[in-house]
Each structure stands twice: as C-alpha cells, then as structure tokens.
Amino acid sequence: TELRSFAKPHPLVMDVCCCVVLLKGFKDVSWKGAKAMMSDTSFLRSLVEFDKDGLSDKQVKQVKQYFQQGSFTPDEVRSISQAGAGLLKWNETAACVACPPGMAPKNVGNTVCM
C-alpha cells in the first residue's frame, strides 16, 4: 500500500515498479500499469511464487538496463521508500542482475548464484 499511495512517485520508485511490470510480463509499463498490478490482492503471493525460469531474454535485458543507472540501488531507493527497496532486491534476484553470466539464483528471494 505504501507504493500505491504515491500519486506521482519519485523516478527511482517508478523505475523499480516498471521493472516488476516488465518481469511479470504486463503490457502497460507505466505508473498506472504498476498501480493496477500492485492492486491485485494476490500481488505479494505472485512475487513469492514467481517463475524466473519463464523469463525471456528480452525481459531480463530490459530490466538490466535500469540497473545501469548509478542511483538504482537498494540504499538509494530505501531513502525514498522501504517497499521500493524491497522490490528492487526482488528485481535483482528475479533478473539475475547480481549473478555472473551463465549463473542463476537457486530460487527467487535468494541471491546465491549457482
């Protein structure tokens, strides 16, 4: 609810939410689309049960572009939104941003690469 309460979120928060929209395969990659996605009563459960193996290379590439921004870090986002920082960590894990090429996290929510 913290994120959905923003009428016009900080650009970093909006980018975090757009990454989730991209990873979940929604078409409306905007704040309006992100709010609609987060308003689903099963949103949090869908993050926990997310099938990262079903991601396309295009989705991963699109999300990794956001991580090229120097300010796109959990600490920076946390200074604006605790929930946003948590979603950013989820994005990192789901898109294997922190893992070397060819390695994937054992499961979503775990940044251990294998």
Protein backbone atom coordinates (compact mmCIF):
# COMPACT_ATOMS: atom_id res chain seq x y z
CA THR A 1 0.00 0.00 0.00
CA GLU A 2 2.97 2.33 0.57
CA LEU A 3 3.86 2.35 -3.11
CA ARG A 4 0.29 2.57 -4.37
CA SER A 5 -0.29 5.62 -2.18
CA PHE A 6 2.09 7.72 -4.29
CA ALA A 7 0.16 9.92 -6.72
CA LYS A 8 3.36 10.79 -8.55
CA PRO A 9 6.24 8.64 -7.31
CA HIS A 10 9.91 9.53 -7.29
CA PRO A 11 11.52 8.44 -10.59
CA LEU A 12 13.55 5.72 -8.83
CA VAL A 13 10.41 4.24 -7.28
CA MET A 14 8.66 4.37 -10.63
CA ASP A 15 11.60 2.60 -12.29
CA VAL A 16 11.55 -0.14 -9.65
CA CYS A 17 7.85 -0.73 -10.24
CA CYS A 18 8.26 -0.67 -14.01
CA CYS A 19 10.90 -3.40 -13.68
CA VAL A 20 8.38 -5.58 -11.85
CA VAL A 21 5.82 -4.85 -14.57
CA LEU A 22 8.33 -5.92 -17.22
CA LEU A 23 9.35 -9.10 -15.38
CA LYS A 24 5.75 -10.10 -14.80
CA GLY A 25 5.00 -9.58 -18.50
CA PHE A 26 2.38 -6.86 -18.24
CA LYS A 27 1.94 -4.62 -21.27
CA ASP A 28 1.32 -1.25 -19.58
CA VAL A 29 4.82 -0.28 -18.43
CA SER A 30 3.80 2.91 -16.67
CA TRP A 31 2.89 4.08 -13.18
CA LYS A 32 -0.78 3.45 -13.99
CA GLY A 33 0.05 -0.12 -15.05
CA ALA A 34 2.22 -0.67 -11.98
CA LYS A 35 -0.53 0.56 -9.64
CA ALA A 36 -3.03 -1.75 -11.32
CA MET A 37 -0.64 -4.68 -10.96
CA MET A 38 0.01 -3.93 -7.28
CA SER A 39 -3.70 -3.57 -6.53
CA ASP A 40 -4.23 -7.26 -7.27
CA THR A 41 -4.92 -8.97 -3.94
CA SER A 42 -2.51 -11.79 -4.84
CA PHE A 43 0.35 -9.46 -5.85
CA LEU A 44 2.67 -10.34 -2.96
CA ARG A 45 1.99 -14.04 -3.34
CA SER A 46 2.73 -13.76 -7.07
CA LEU A 47 6.18 -12.37 -6.23
CA VAL A 48 6.94 -15.25 -3.89
CA GLU A 49 5.73 -17.83 -6.41
CA PHE A 50 7.28 -16.10 -9.42
CA ASP A 51 8.75 -18.46 -12.04
CA LYS A 52 12.03 -16.81 -13.01
CA ASP A 53 12.73 -19.65 -15.42
CA GLY A 54 9.88 -18.40 -17.59
CA LEU A 55 11.54 -15.03 -18.26
CA SER A 56 12.55 -14.20 -21.80
CA ASP A 57 15.98 -12.82 -22.62
CA LYS A 58 14.24 -9.63 -23.74
CA GLN A 59 12.61 -9.14 -20.32
CA VAL A 60 15.90 -9.69 -18.49
CA LYS A 61 17.75 -7.34 -20.85
CA GLN A 62 15.12 -4.60 -20.40
CA VAL A 63 15.36 -4.82 -16.60
CA LYS A 64 19.15 -4.94 -16.55
CA GLN A 65 19.18 -1.61 -18.40
CA TYR A 66 17.63 0.04 -15.35
CA PHE A 67 20.49 -1.24 -13.22
CA GLN A 68 22.96 0.72 -15.35
CA GLN A 69 21.82 3.86 -13.52
CA GLY A 70 24.27 4.58 -10.72
CA SER A 71 21.49 5.58 -8.34
CA PHE A 72 19.43 2.42 -8.92
CA THR A 73 20.49 0.74 -5.67
CA PRO A 74 18.56 -0.54 -2.65
CA ASP A 75 20.17 2.09 -0.41
CA GLU A 76 19.16 4.97 -2.68
CA VAL A 77 15.62 3.66 -3.09
CA ARG A 78 15.32 2.90 0.65
CA SER A 79 15.86 6.58 1.39
CA ILE A 80 12.60 7.19 -0.53
CA SER A 81 10.61 4.00 0.08
CA GLN A 82 11.19 0.87 2.16
CA ALA A 83 8.79 -1.10 0.00
CA GLY A 84 10.52 0.15 -3.14
CA ALA A 85 13.89 -1.06 -1.84
CA GLY A 86 12.42 -4.50 -1.19
CA LEU A 87 11.00 -4.66 -4.71
CA LEU A 88 14.35 -3.58 -6.12
CA LYS A 89 16.03 -6.52 -4.37
CA TRP A 90 13.33 -8.80 -5.80
CA ASN A 91 14.09 -7.41 -9.28
CA GLU A 92 17.80 -8.08 -8.82
CA THR A 93 17.17 -11.68 -7.88
CA ALA A 94 14.46 -12.39 -10.44
CA ALA A 95 16.53 -11.00 -13.32
CA CYS A 96 19.82 -12.46 -12.00
CA VAL A 97 21.37 -8.99 -12.07
CA ALA A 98 23.89 -9.81 -9.35
CA CYS A 99 24.89 -13.16 -10.82
CA PRO A 100 27.73 -13.67 -13.29
CA PRO A 101 26.70 -14.62 -16.84
CA GLY A 102 25.60 -18.25 -17.06
CA MET A 103 24.67 -18.46 -13.40
CA ALA A 104 21.24 -18.15 -11.85
CA PRO A 105 19.97 -17.79 -8.30
CA LYS A 106 18.82 -21.03 -6.71
CA ASN A 107 15.38 -19.50 -6.21
CA VAL A 108 13.71 -16.12 -6.13
CA GLY A 109 14.45 -14.35 -2.88
CA ASN A 110 17.88 -15.93 -2.64
CA THR A 111 20.86 -14.15 -4.18
CA VAL A 112 23.14 -17.20 -4.02
CA CYS A 113 24.27 -17.93 -7.57
CA MET A 114 24.88 -21.39 -8.93
